[in-house]
Amino acid sequence: MALVMAALPDKSQGLAGGMVSAMRTLGILTAAGAAPWFFAVRQASHQHVAEGAARLFVAAFSDIFLASTSLAACGLALALLLSTATARRQ
């Protein structure tokens, strides 16, 4: 957020702050809607492998956790690349 605000003139910071807030909210809503769907899909795909409700839940939850961790790692890598590129330009 600080990088975005620092790159903009003062008169545009209000609009940028609102857009960042809207993007954050949209991301949360998308994740909250996609995670249960992905969990159900993964649970259905493990039906033939995992026996019992507990094992089925753990298998699907592990898939969700792995996907979430991968997305977070990609986001971290992108943020580090962008901050390094910004620091080089200054």
N, C-alpha and C. Protein backbone atom coordinates (compact mmCIF):
# COMPACT_ATOMS: atom_id res chain seq x y z
N MET A 1 0.83 -1.18 0.00
CA MET A 1 0.00 0.00 0.00
C MET A 1 0.88 1.25 0.00
N ALA A 2 1.95 1.20 0.76
CA ALA A 2 2.85 2.35 0.82
C ALA A 2 3.50 2.62 -0.53
N LEU A 3 3.85 1.56 -1.26
CA LEU A 3 4.44 1.74 -2.59
C LEU A 3 3.46 2.39 -3.55
N VAL A 4 2.21 1.97 -3.48
CA VAL A 4 1.18 2.55 -4.36
C VAL A 4 0.99 4.02 -4.04
N MET A 5 0.84 4.34 -2.79
CA MET A 5 0.58 5.72 -2.39
C MET A 5 1.77 6.63 -2.68
N ALA A 6 2.98 6.12 -2.52
CA ALA A 6 4.17 6.94 -2.76
C ALA A 6 4.34 7.24 -4.25
N ALA A 7 3.83 6.37 -5.10
CA ALA A 7 4.00 6.56 -6.54
C ALA A 7 2.97 7.52 -7.14
N LEU A 8 1.99 7.94 -6.38
CA LEU A 8 0.91 8.78 -6.90
C LEU A 8 1.00 10.21 -6.36
N PRO A 9 0.50 11.16 -7.14
CA PRO A 9 0.42 12.53 -6.62
C PRO A 9 -0.63 12.62 -5.51
N ASP A 10 -0.52 13.64 -4.69
CA ASP A 10 -1.40 13.79 -3.53
C ASP A 10 -2.88 13.79 -3.92
N LYS A 11 -3.22 14.42 -5.04
CA LYS A 11 -4.64 14.53 -5.39
C LYS A 11 -5.26 13.19 -5.82
N SER A 12 -4.45 12.18 -6.13
CA SER A 12 -4.96 10.88 -6.57
C SER A 12 -4.94 9.83 -5.47
N GLN A 13 -4.44 10.15 -4.30
CA GLN A 13 -4.28 9.15 -3.26
C GLN A 13 -5.61 8.67 -2.68
N GLY A 14 -6.60 9.53 -2.63
CA GLY A 14 -7.92 9.12 -2.14
C GLY A 14 -8.55 8.07 -3.03
N LEU A 15 -8.50 8.31 -4.33
CA LEU A 15 -9.03 7.35 -5.29
C LEU A 15 -8.25 6.04 -5.24
N ALA A 16 -6.94 6.12 -5.16
CA ALA A 16 -6.11 4.91 -5.10
C ALA A 16 -6.40 4.11 -3.83
N GLY A 17 -6.57 4.79 -2.72
CA GLY A 17 -6.90 4.09 -1.47
C GLY A 17 -8.22 3.36 -1.57
N GLY A 18 -9.21 4.00 -2.19
CA GLY A 18 -10.51 3.36 -2.38
C GLY A 18 -10.42 2.15 -3.29
N MET A 19 -9.62 2.27 -4.35
CA MET A 19 -9.47 1.14 -5.28
C MET A 19 -8.75 -0.03 -4.62
N VAL A 20 -7.73 0.25 -3.82
CA VAL A 20 -7.01 -0.81 -3.12
C VAL A 20 -7.95 -1.51 -2.13
N SER A 21 -8.77 -0.73 -1.44
CA SER A 21 -9.73 -1.31 -0.51
C SER A 21 -10.75 -2.19 -1.24
N ALA A 22 -11.21 -1.73 -2.40
CA ALA A 22 -12.16 -2.51 -3.19
C ALA A 22 -11.52 -3.80 -3.69
N MET A 23 -10.26 -3.74 -4.13
CA MET A 23 -9.58 -4.94 -4.60
C MET A 23 -9.39 -5.94 -3.46
N ARG A 24 -9.06 -5.45 -2.28
CA ARG A 24 -8.88 -6.32 -1.11
C ARG A 24 -10.19 -7.03 -0.78
N THR A 25 -11.29 -6.27 -0.78
CA THR A 25 -12.60 -6.85 -0.48
C THR A 25 -13.00 -7.87 -1.55
N LEU A 26 -12.76 -7.56 -2.80
CA LEU A 26 -13.08 -8.49 -3.88
C LEU A 26 -12.26 -9.78 -3.75
N GLY A 27 -11.01 -9.66 -3.37
CA GLY A 27 -10.17 -10.84 -3.16
C GLY A 27 -10.67 -11.72 -2.03
N ILE A 28 -11.09 -11.08 -0.94
CA ILE A 28 -11.61 -11.84 0.20
C ILE A 28 -12.90 -12.56 -0.18
N LEU A 29 -13.79 -11.86 -0.88
CA LEU A 29 -15.05 -12.48 -1.29
C LEU A 29 -14.82 -13.62 -2.28
N THR A 30 -13.89 -13.44 -3.20
CA THR A 30 -13.59 -14.49 -4.17
C THR A 30 -13.03 -15.72 -3.46
N ALA A 31 -12.10 -15.51 -2.54
CA ALA A 31 -11.51 -16.63 -1.81
C ALA A 31 -12.55 -17.33 -0.93
N ALA A 32 -13.42 -16.55 -0.30
CA ALA A 32 -14.45 -17.14 0.56
C ALA A 32 -15.45 -17.95 -0.25
N GLY A 33 -15.66 -17.59 -1.50
CA GLY A 33 -16.56 -18.36 -2.35
C GLY A 33 -15.88 -19.54 -3.02
N ALA A 34 -14.61 -19.39 -3.37
CA ALA A 34 -13.90 -20.44 -4.09
C ALA A 34 -13.40 -21.56 -3.18
N ALA A 35 -13.03 -21.24 -1.96
CA ALA A 35 -12.47 -22.26 -1.07
C ALA A 35 -13.46 -23.40 -0.77
N PRO A 36 -14.71 -23.12 -0.42
CA PRO A 36 -15.64 -24.24 -0.18
C PRO A 36 -15.90 -25.07 -1.44
N TRP A 37 -15.95 -24.41 -2.58
CA TRP A 37 -16.14 -25.14 -3.83
C TRP A 37 -14.95 -26.05 -4.10
N PHE A 38 -13.75 -25.50 -3.96
CA PHE A 38 -12.53 -26.29 -4.18
C PHE A 38 -12.45 -27.45 -3.18
N PHE A 39 -12.85 -27.19 -1.94
CA PHE A 39 -12.85 -28.24 -0.91
C PHE A 39 -13.79 -29.37 -1.31
N ALA A 40 -14.98 -29.03 -1.79
CA ALA A 40 -15.95 -30.05 -2.20
C ALA A 40 -15.45 -30.85 -3.40
N VAL A 41 -14.82 -30.16 -4.34
CA VAL A 41 -14.27 -30.85 -5.51
C VAL A 41 -13.17 -31.81 -5.09
N ARG A 42 -12.26 -31.35 -4.23
CA ARG A 42 -11.16 -32.21 -3.79
C ARG A 42 -11.68 -33.36 -2.92
N GLN A 43 -12.70 -33.11 -2.12
CA GLN A 43 -13.27 -34.16 -1.29
C GLN A 43 -13.89 -35.24 -2.18
N ALA A 44 -14.58 -34.82 -3.23
CA ALA A 44 -15.18 -35.78 -4.17
C ALA A 44 -14.09 -36.58 -4.90
N SER A 45 -12.97 -35.94 -5.20
CA SER A 45 -11.91 -36.65 -5.92
C SER A 45 -11.18 -37.65 -5.03
N HIS A 46 -11.24 -37.46 -3.73
CA HIS A 46 -10.58 -38.39 -2.79
C HIS A 46 -11.52 -39.50 -2.32
N GLN A 47 -12.75 -39.52 -2.80
CA GLN A 47 -13.73 -40.51 -2.35
C GLN A 47 -13.22 -41.94 -2.53
N HIS A 48 -12.57 -42.21 -3.63
CA HIS A 48 -12.14 -43.58 -3.91
C HIS A 48 -10.85 -43.97 -3.19
N VAL A 49 -10.11 -42.98 -2.69
CA VAL A 49 -8.82 -43.26 -2.05
C VAL A 49 -8.93 -43.29 -0.53
N ALA A 50 -9.54 -42.25 0.03
CA ALA A 50 -9.62 -42.12 1.49
C ALA A 50 -10.88 -42.81 2.01
N GLU A 51 -10.71 -43.62 3.03
CA GLU A 51 -11.84 -44.31 3.63
C GLU A 51 -12.16 -43.66 4.97
N GLY A 52 -13.41 -43.34 5.18
CA GLY A 52 -13.85 -42.71 6.42
C GLY A 52 -13.92 -41.21 6.27
N ALA A 53 -14.85 -40.63 7.01
CA ALA A 53 -15.09 -39.19 6.90
C ALA A 53 -13.88 -38.37 7.35
N ALA A 54 -13.19 -38.81 8.39
CA ALA A 54 -12.05 -38.05 8.90
C ALA A 54 -10.91 -38.02 7.89
N ARG A 55 -10.60 -39.16 7.28
CA ARG A 55 -9.53 -39.19 6.29
C ARG A 55 -9.89 -38.40 5.05
N LEU A 56 -11.13 -38.45 4.66
CA LEU A 56 -11.60 -37.70 3.51
C LEU A 56 -11.47 -36.19 3.76
N PHE A 57 -11.85 -35.77 4.96
CA PHE A 57 -11.74 -34.36 5.33
C PHE A 57 -10.28 -33.92 5.33
N VAL A 58 -9.42 -34.70 5.94
CA VAL A 58 -7.99 -34.35 6.04
C VAL A 58 -7.36 -34.27 4.65
N ALA A 59 -7.69 -35.20 3.78
CA ALA A 59 -7.13 -35.19 2.43
C ALA A 59 -7.54 -33.94 1.67
N ALA A 60 -8.83 -33.59 1.73
CA ALA A 60 -9.31 -32.39 1.03
C ALA A 60 -8.75 -31.13 1.68
N PHE A 61 -8.69 -31.09 2.99
CA PHE A 61 -8.16 -29.92 3.69
C PHE A 61 -6.69 -29.72 3.37
N SER A 62 -5.95 -30.81 3.25
CA SER A 62 -4.53 -30.71 2.89
C SER A 62 -4.36 -30.09 1.51
N ASP A 63 -5.24 -30.46 0.58
CA ASP A 63 -5.19 -29.87 -0.76
C ASP A 63 -5.48 -28.37 -0.71
N ILE A 64 -6.48 -27.98 0.08
CA ILE A 64 -6.82 -26.56 0.22
C ILE A 64 -5.64 -25.80 0.83
N PHE A 65 -5.03 -26.37 1.86
CA PHE A 65 -3.91 -25.72 2.52
C PHE A 65 -2.73 -25.56 1.58
N LEU A 66 -2.44 -26.58 0.79
CA LEU A 66 -1.35 -26.52 -0.18
C LEU A 66 -1.62 -25.46 -1.24
N ALA A 67 -2.85 -25.40 -1.74
CA ALA A 67 -3.19 -24.39 -2.75
C ALA A 67 -3.09 -22.98 -2.17
N SER A 68 -3.57 -22.78 -0.95
CA SER A 68 -3.50 -21.47 -0.31
C SER A 68 -2.06 -21.05 -0.05
N THR A 69 -1.26 -21.98 0.40
CA THR A 69 0.16 -21.70 0.66
C THR A 69 0.89 -21.35 -0.64
N SER A 70 0.56 -22.05 -1.70
CA SER A 70 1.18 -21.77 -3.00
C SER A 70 0.81 -20.38 -3.50
N LEU A 71 -0.45 -20.01 -3.37
CA LEU A 71 -0.88 -18.66 -3.77
C LEU A 71 -0.19 -17.59 -2.93
N ALA A 72 -0.08 -17.82 -1.63
CA ALA A 72 0.59 -16.85 -0.76
C ALA A 72 2.07 -16.72 -1.12
N ALA A 73 2.72 -17.83 -1.44
CA ALA A 73 4.13 -17.79 -1.83
C ALA A 73 4.31 -17.03 -3.14
N CYS A 74 3.41 -17.24 -4.08
CA CYS A 74 3.47 -16.49 -5.35
C CYS A 74 3.28 -15.00 -5.10
N GLY A 75 2.36 -14.66 -4.23
CA GLY A 75 2.14 -13.25 -3.89
C GLY A 75 3.36 -12.64 -3.23
N LEU A 76 3.99 -13.37 -2.33
CA LEU A 76 5.20 -12.88 -1.67
C LEU A 76 6.32 -12.68 -2.68
N ALA A 77 6.50 -13.64 -3.58
CA ALA A 77 7.55 -13.52 -4.58
C ALA A 77 7.31 -12.32 -5.49
N LEU A 78 6.08 -12.11 -5.89
CA LEU A 78 5.74 -10.97 -6.74
C LEU A 78 5.98 -9.65 -6.00
N ALA A 79 5.59 -9.60 -4.73
CA ALA A 79 5.82 -8.38 -3.95
C ALA A 79 7.30 -8.08 -3.80
N LEU A 80 8.11 -9.12 -3.56
CA LEU A 80 9.55 -8.92 -3.44
C LEU A 80 10.17 -8.46 -4.75
N LEU A 81 9.73 -9.03 -5.85
CA LEU A 81 10.23 -8.61 -7.16
C LEU A 81 9.87 -7.16 -7.45
N LEU A 82 8.63 -6.79 -7.16
CA LEU A 82 8.20 -5.42 -7.41
C LEU A 82 8.93 -4.42 -6.52
N SER A 83 9.12 -4.77 -5.26
CA SER A 83 9.82 -3.84 -4.37
C SER A 83 11.28 -3.71 -4.75
N THR A 84 11.90 -4.79 -5.21
CA THR A 84 13.29 -4.73 -5.67
C THR A 84 13.40 -3.87 -6.93
N ALA A 85 12.46 -4.04 -7.85
CA ALA A 85 12.47 -3.25 -9.08
C ALA A 85 12.24 -1.76 -8.78
N THR A 86 11.37 -1.48 -7.83
CA THR A 86 11.11 -0.09 -7.44
C THR A 86 12.33 0.52 -6.77
N ALA A 87 13.01 -0.26 -5.93
CA ALA A 87 14.20 0.25 -5.25
C ALA A 87 15.32 0.52 -6.23
N ARG A 88 15.44 -0.27 -7.27
CA ARG A 88 16.49 -0.05 -8.29
C ARG A 88 16.25 1.22 -9.08
N ARG A 89 14.98 1.55 -9.33
CA ARG A 89 14.68 2.76 -10.11
C ARG A 89 14.96 4.02 -9.32
N GLN A 90 14.96 3.92 -8.01
CA GLN A 90 15.16 5.14 -7.20
C GLN A 90 16.58 5.30 -6.92
